[in-house]
């Protein structure tokens, strides 16, 4: 049975970071910083999503899809600002992310940014970036489902940070089909979908691993090196996603008949959004 149609709309959430400790998963600096990578990588990435989707809007011929894309743009813009607030909090605690964020900015604004190209080639560059976003959104939906279920409270994780991650994860699950549907509407070629996933998957893994190492190395509390065995231990406790699960999710994206609606339901996301302190405050 298909899920009921959802109207995607941004939720104007705010978070008070003043009481959030540096290692907000107690005794787990590596797990803390693996998840802190989101605050350094996502703001620039999500601003890039908004920019590219804005360029795609004039080409959309389906009214329902246009509404969903507009809702997606609004949600992604709020995600970027929410994680920017967390990044600013890291800087206030002595871990200034600017040197790493400058590199992320170059990736999205220069390497994947607009180019001075003839119109037909520029349109193909737009389609290439839409396919890339669809691949990235596949991973954000997978991570969204993971964080909705992760036993972070049991580990004593800070509730403000947990709410940020779960609110964001819930909205990723909520709009998990939009980027895929937009690419399918404007192009949809399967070889391009496979090729962009083959690029996006390894690059995302490399980017988040590099960011984690940078955070651990520059943490003023000096927690030590980022070790793979510590990541495996945290994953066994449910505090980090399992790498094997992420690899399986990559494989699931590749069949021609795949559609994101096949991956779970929206019910879990909607249920969390109904209880999220930040989302409830925004609704009021």
Protein backbone atom coordinates (compact mmCIF):
# COMPACT_ATOMS: atom_id res chain seq x y z
CA UNK A 1 0.00 0.00 0.00
CA UNK A 2 1.54 3.40 -0.95
CA UNK A 3 2.24 5.89 1.80
CA UNK A 4 -0.04 8.91 2.11
CA UNK A 5 1.26 12.00 0.32
CA UNK A 6 3.28 14.35 2.49
CA UNK A 7 3.56 18.09 2.05
CA UNK A 8 7.23 18.93 2.50
CA UNK A 9 7.81 22.15 4.39
CA UNK A 10 10.80 23.57 6.28
CA UNK A 11 10.60 23.63 10.07
CA UNK A 12 12.23 26.76 11.48
CA UNK A 13 14.06 24.97 14.29
CA UNK A 14 16.54 26.57 16.67
CA UNK A 15 18.97 24.96 19.12
CA UNK A 16 20.63 26.28 22.28
CA UNK A 17 24.24 25.06 22.19
CA UNK A 18 25.38 26.79 25.38
CA UNK A 19 25.33 23.66 27.56
CA UNK A 20 26.54 21.13 24.98
CA UNK A 21 29.95 19.72 26.05
CA UNK A 22 32.88 19.30 23.69
CA UNK A 23 32.65 15.50 23.82
CA UNK A 24 28.88 15.26 23.78
CA UNK A 25 28.94 11.44 23.76
CA UNK A 26 30.61 10.92 27.16
CA UNK A 27 33.85 8.95 26.97
CA UNK A 28 33.52 8.61 23.18
CA UNK A 29 35.56 11.36 21.49
CA UNK A 30 35.80 9.43 18.24
CA UNK A 31 32.05 8.79 18.00
CA UNK A 32 31.50 12.45 18.90
CA UNK A 33 33.76 13.67 16.13
CA UNK A 34 32.52 11.22 13.49
CA UNK A 35 29.09 12.78 13.97
CA UNK A 36 30.61 16.28 14.27
CA UNK A 37 31.81 15.87 10.69
CA UNK A 38 28.21 16.62 9.69
CA UNK A 39 28.58 20.18 11.02
CA UNK A 40 31.65 20.82 8.87
CA UNK A 41 30.61 19.06 5.65
CA UNK A 42 26.85 19.50 5.43
CA UNK A 43 26.35 23.30 5.49
CA UNK A 44 28.36 23.80 2.28
CA UNK A 45 26.94 20.64 0.71
CA UNK A 46 23.35 21.54 1.46
CA UNK A 47 23.79 25.10 0.20
CA UNK A 48 25.07 23.51 -3.01
CA UNK A 49 21.95 21.28 -3.13
CA UNK A 50 19.76 24.38 -2.82
CA UNK A 51 21.67 26.19 -5.57
CA UNK A 52 21.56 23.29 -8.04
CA UNK A 53 17.90 22.52 -7.37
CA UNK A 54 17.10 26.19 -7.90
CA UNK A 55 18.67 25.91 -11.36
CA UNK A 56 16.56 22.83 -12.08
CA UNK A 57 13.22 24.40 -11.11
CA UNK A 58 12.51 26.08 -14.49
CA UNK A 59 12.90 22.70 -16.23
CA UNK A 60 10.30 20.85 -14.12
CA UNK A 61 7.10 20.06 -16.02
CA UNK A 62 5.21 18.32 -13.20
CA UNK A 63 3.42 20.56 -10.68
CA UNK A 64 3.51 18.03 -7.82
CA UNK A 65 7.23 17.42 -8.27
CA UNK A 66 7.85 21.18 -8.39
CA UNK A 67 6.12 21.58 -5.02
CA UNK A 68 8.20 18.76 -3.57
CA UNK A 69 11.41 20.29 -4.88
CA UNK A 70 10.49 23.66 -3.36
CA UNK A 71 9.82 21.91 -0.03
CA UNK A 72 13.14 20.07 -0.32
CA UNK A 73 14.97 23.35 -0.97
CA UNK A 74 13.41 24.89 2.12
CA UNK A 75 14.29 21.93 4.34
CA UNK A 76 17.88 21.75 3.09
CA UNK A 77 18.39 25.47 3.68
CA UNK A 78 17.32 25.08 7.32
CA UNK A 79 19.56 22.00 7.70
CA UNK A 80 22.56 24.03 6.56
CA UNK A 81 21.91 26.79 9.10
CA UNK A 82 21.26 24.36 11.97
CA UNK A 83 24.55 22.56 11.41
CA UNK A 84 26.30 25.90 10.95
CA UNK A 85 25.19 26.76 14.48
CA UNK A 86 26.77 23.55 15.77
CA UNK A 87 29.97 24.33 13.84
CA UNK A 88 30.06 27.80 15.40
CA UNK A 89 29.72 26.14 18.81
CA UNK A 90 32.78 23.99 18.04
CA UNK A 91 34.70 27.16 17.24
CA UNK A 92 33.59 28.74 20.52
CA UNK A 93 35.01 25.70 22.35
CA UNK A 94 38.42 26.18 20.73
CA UNK A 95 38.04 23.89 17.71
CA UNK A 96 37.82 26.36 14.83
CA UNK A 97 36.61 24.41 11.76
CA UNK A 98 37.39 27.19 9.25
CA UNK A 99 40.55 25.58 7.74
CA UNK A 100 38.71 22.36 6.94
CA UNK A 101 35.49 24.08 5.88
CA UNK A 102 37.49 26.12 3.35
CA UNK A 103 38.44 22.86 1.65
CA UNK A 104 34.84 21.64 1.67
CA UNK A 105 33.76 24.97 0.22
CA UNK A 106 36.23 24.56 -2.66
CA UNK A 107 34.83 21.09 -3.38
CA UNK A 108 31.22 22.25 -3.70
CA UNK A 109 31.63 25.82 -4.99
CA UNK A 110 34.53 25.32 -7.39
CA UNK A 111 34.93 21.66 -8.37
CA UNK A 112 31.16 21.03 -8.44
CA UNK A 113 30.10 24.62 -9.01
CA UNK A 114 28.77 26.45 -12.06
CA UNK A 115 30.92 26.53 -15.18
CA UNK A 116 31.02 28.82 -18.19
CA UNK A 117 29.82 26.30 -20.77
CA UNK A 118 27.75 26.35 -23.95
CA UNK A 119 24.04 25.90 -23.16
CA UNK A 120 23.73 22.20 -24.17
CA UNK A 121 26.85 21.26 -22.22
CA UNK A 122 25.75 23.35 -19.24
CA UNK A 123 22.47 21.43 -19.18
CA UNK A 124 24.36 18.12 -19.11
CA UNK A 125 26.48 19.49 -16.23
CA UNK A 126 23.25 20.31 -14.40
CA UNK A 127 21.97 16.75 -14.96
CA UNK A 128 25.29 15.31 -13.77
CA UNK A 129 25.06 17.28 -10.53
CA UNK A 130 21.41 16.29 -10.03
CA UNK A 131 22.42 12.63 -10.37
CA UNK A 132 25.21 13.24 -7.85
CA UNK A 133 22.76 14.80 -5.38
CA UNK A 134 20.39 11.83 -5.79
CA UNK A 135 23.27 9.49 -4.89
CA UNK A 136 24.25 11.59 -1.86
CA UNK A 137 20.62 11.80 -0.72
CA UNK A 138 20.50 8.02 -0.76
CA UNK A 139 23.20 7.99 1.92
CA UNK A 140 21.59 10.78 3.95
CA UNK A 141 18.34 8.79 4.06
CA UNK A 142 20.25 5.67 5.18
CA UNK A 143 21.96 7.70 7.92
CA UNK A 144 18.63 9.29 8.82
CA UNK A 145 17.06 5.90 9.46
CA UNK A 146 20.11 4.86 11.46
CA UNK A 147 20.10 7.89 13.75
CA UNK A 148 16.36 7.58 14.44
CA UNK A 149 17.10 4.15 15.96
CA UNK A 150 20.59 4.62 17.42
CA UNK A 151 20.78 4.14 21.24
CA UNK A 152 22.45 7.49 21.82
CA UNK A 153 20.55 8.26 25.03
CA UNK A 154 21.76 5.01 26.56
CA UNK A 155 25.32 6.27 26.05
CA UNK A 156 24.48 9.58 27.76
CA UNK A 157 24.64 11.67 24.57
CA UNK A 158 23.69 15.32 24.94
CA UNK A 159 19.94 15.69 24.24
CA UNK A 160 20.27 18.90 22.21
CA UNK A 161 22.70 17.29 19.79
CA UNK A 162 20.60 14.13 19.62
CA UNK A 163 17.54 16.22 18.73
CA UNK A 164 19.46 18.02 15.98
CA UNK A 165 20.60 14.74 14.45
CA UNK A 166 17.22 13.05 14.70
CA UNK A 167 15.24 16.04 13.44
CA UNK A 168 17.59 16.24 10.47
CA UNK A 169 17.54 12.48 9.95
CA UNK A 170 13.74 12.41 10.05
CA UNK A 171 13.50 15.09 7.37
CA UNK A 172 16.01 13.18 5.22
CA UNK A 173 13.76 10.13 5.43
CA UNK A 174 10.72 12.31 4.79
CA UNK A 175 12.10 13.72 1.52
CA UNK A 176 14.19 10.69 0.52
CA UNK A 177 12.58 10.33 -2.92
CA UNK A 178 12.69 13.94 -4.11
CA UNK A 179 16.23 14.13 -5.52
CA UNK A 180 15.83 10.73 -7.18
CA UNK A 181 12.48 11.73 -8.70
CA UNK A 182 13.86 15.04 -9.96
CA UNK A 183 16.77 13.30 -11.69
CA UNK A 184 14.38 10.70 -13.15
CA UNK A 185 12.09 13.48 -14.40
CA UNK A 186 14.83 15.46 -16.17
CA UNK A 187 17.09 12.63 -17.32
CA UNK A 188 16.95 9.30 -15.49
CA UNK A 189 19.61 7.46 -17.48
CA UNK A 190 20.73 4.44 -15.51
CA UNK A 191 24.44 4.53 -16.51
CA UNK A 192 24.73 8.08 -15.20
CA UNK A 193 22.98 7.07 -11.96
CA UNK A 194 25.46 4.20 -11.46
CA UNK A 195 28.46 6.33 -12.41
CA UNK A 196 27.62 9.14 -10.02
CA UNK A 197 27.08 6.68 -7.17
CA UNK A 198 30.47 5.12 -7.97
CA UNK A 199 31.97 8.58 -7.47
CA UNK A 200 29.81 9.84 -4.60
CA UNK A 201 30.15 6.79 -2.34
CA UNK A 202 33.98 6.66 -2.13
CA UNK A 203 34.32 10.47 -2.04
CA UNK A 204 31.87 10.77 0.85
CA UNK A 205 33.67 8.02 2.79
CA UNK A 206 37.02 9.71 2.16
CA UNK A 207 35.67 13.15 3.08
CA UNK A 208 34.12 12.05 6.37
CA UNK A 209 37.18 9.96 7.33
CA UNK A 210 39.48 12.90 6.57
CA UNK A 211 37.25 15.26 8.54
CA UNK A 212 37.20 12.90 11.53
CA UNK A 213 40.99 12.69 11.56
CA UNK A 214 41.20 16.49 11.34
CA UNK A 215 38.79 16.96 14.25
CA UNK A 216 40.63 14.44 16.45
CA UNK A 217 44.01 15.96 15.63
CA UNK A 218 42.87 19.53 16.34
CA UNK A 219 40.66 18.83 19.38
CA UNK A 220 42.06 21.03 22.20
CA UNK A 221 41.25 18.25 24.69
CA UNK A 222 43.76 16.01 22.85
CA UNK A 223 41.78 12.73 22.75
CA UNK A 224 44.43 10.93 20.68
CA UNK A 225 44.45 9.57 17.13
CA UNK A 226 41.42 8.43 15.16
CA UNK A 227 41.74 4.65 15.24
CA UNK A 228 39.71 2.23 13.15
CA UNK A 229 39.35 -0.22 16.05
CA UNK A 230 37.70 2.51 18.14
CA UNK A 231 35.25 3.14 15.32
CA UNK A 232 34.43 -0.59 15.15
CA UNK A 233 33.89 -0.68 18.91
CA UNK A 234 31.58 2.34 18.78
CA UNK A 235 29.64 0.76 15.90
CA UNK A 236 29.15 -2.42 17.94
CA UNK A 237 27.62 -0.26 20.68
CA UNK A 238 25.29 1.30 18.11
CA UNK A 239 26.95 4.72 18.39
CA UNK A 240 28.14 4.80 14.77
CA UNK A 241 26.76 3.32 11.56
CA UNK A 242 28.13 -0.03 10.51
CA UNK A 243 30.39 0.22 7.45
CA UNK A 244 29.08 -3.07 6.06
CA UNK A 245 25.54 -1.67 6.25
CA UNK A 246 26.60 1.42 4.29
CA UNK A 247 28.17 -0.79 1.63
CA UNK A 248 24.95 -2.81 1.36
CA UNK A 249 23.00 0.42 0.99
CA UNK A 250 25.27 1.41 -1.90
CA UNK A 251 24.55 -1.89 -3.64
CA UNK A 252 20.79 -1.47 -3.14
CA UNK A 253 20.88 1.79 -5.11
CA UNK A 254 22.27 0.21 -8.28
CA UNK A 255 19.46 -1.95 -9.80
CA UNK A 256 17.53 -0.32 -12.65
CA UNK A 257 14.20 -0.85 -10.83
CA UNK A 258 15.31 0.79 -7.57
CA UNK A 259 13.28 3.63 -6.06
CA UNK A 260 13.88 5.24 -2.61
CA UNK A 261 10.29 4.53 -1.58
CA UNK A 262 11.35 0.87 -1.33
CA UNK A 263 13.59 1.72 1.63
CA UNK A 264 11.37 1.71 4.72
CA UNK A 265 8.45 3.99 5.45
CA UNK A 266 8.03 7.59 6.49
CA UNK A 267 6.03 6.68 9.62
CA UNK A 268 9.09 6.52 11.89
CA UNK A 269 10.27 9.94 10.72
CA UNK A 270 6.87 11.54 11.15
CA UNK A 271 6.56 10.03 14.63
CA UNK A 272 9.87 11.56 15.72
CA UNK A 273 9.05 14.95 14.23
CA UNK A 274 5.86 14.96 16.31
CA UNK A 275 7.93 14.61 19.49
CA UNK A 276 11.15 16.49 18.61
CA UNK A 277 11.59 19.41 21.06
CA UNK A 278 13.00 21.65 18.33
CA UNK A 279 10.31 20.75 15.77
CA UNK A 280 7.53 21.19 18.31
CA UNK A 281 8.89 24.59 19.35
CA UNK A 282 9.08 25.62 15.69
CA UNK A 283 5.45 24.54 15.15
CA UNK A 284 4.36 26.72 18.06
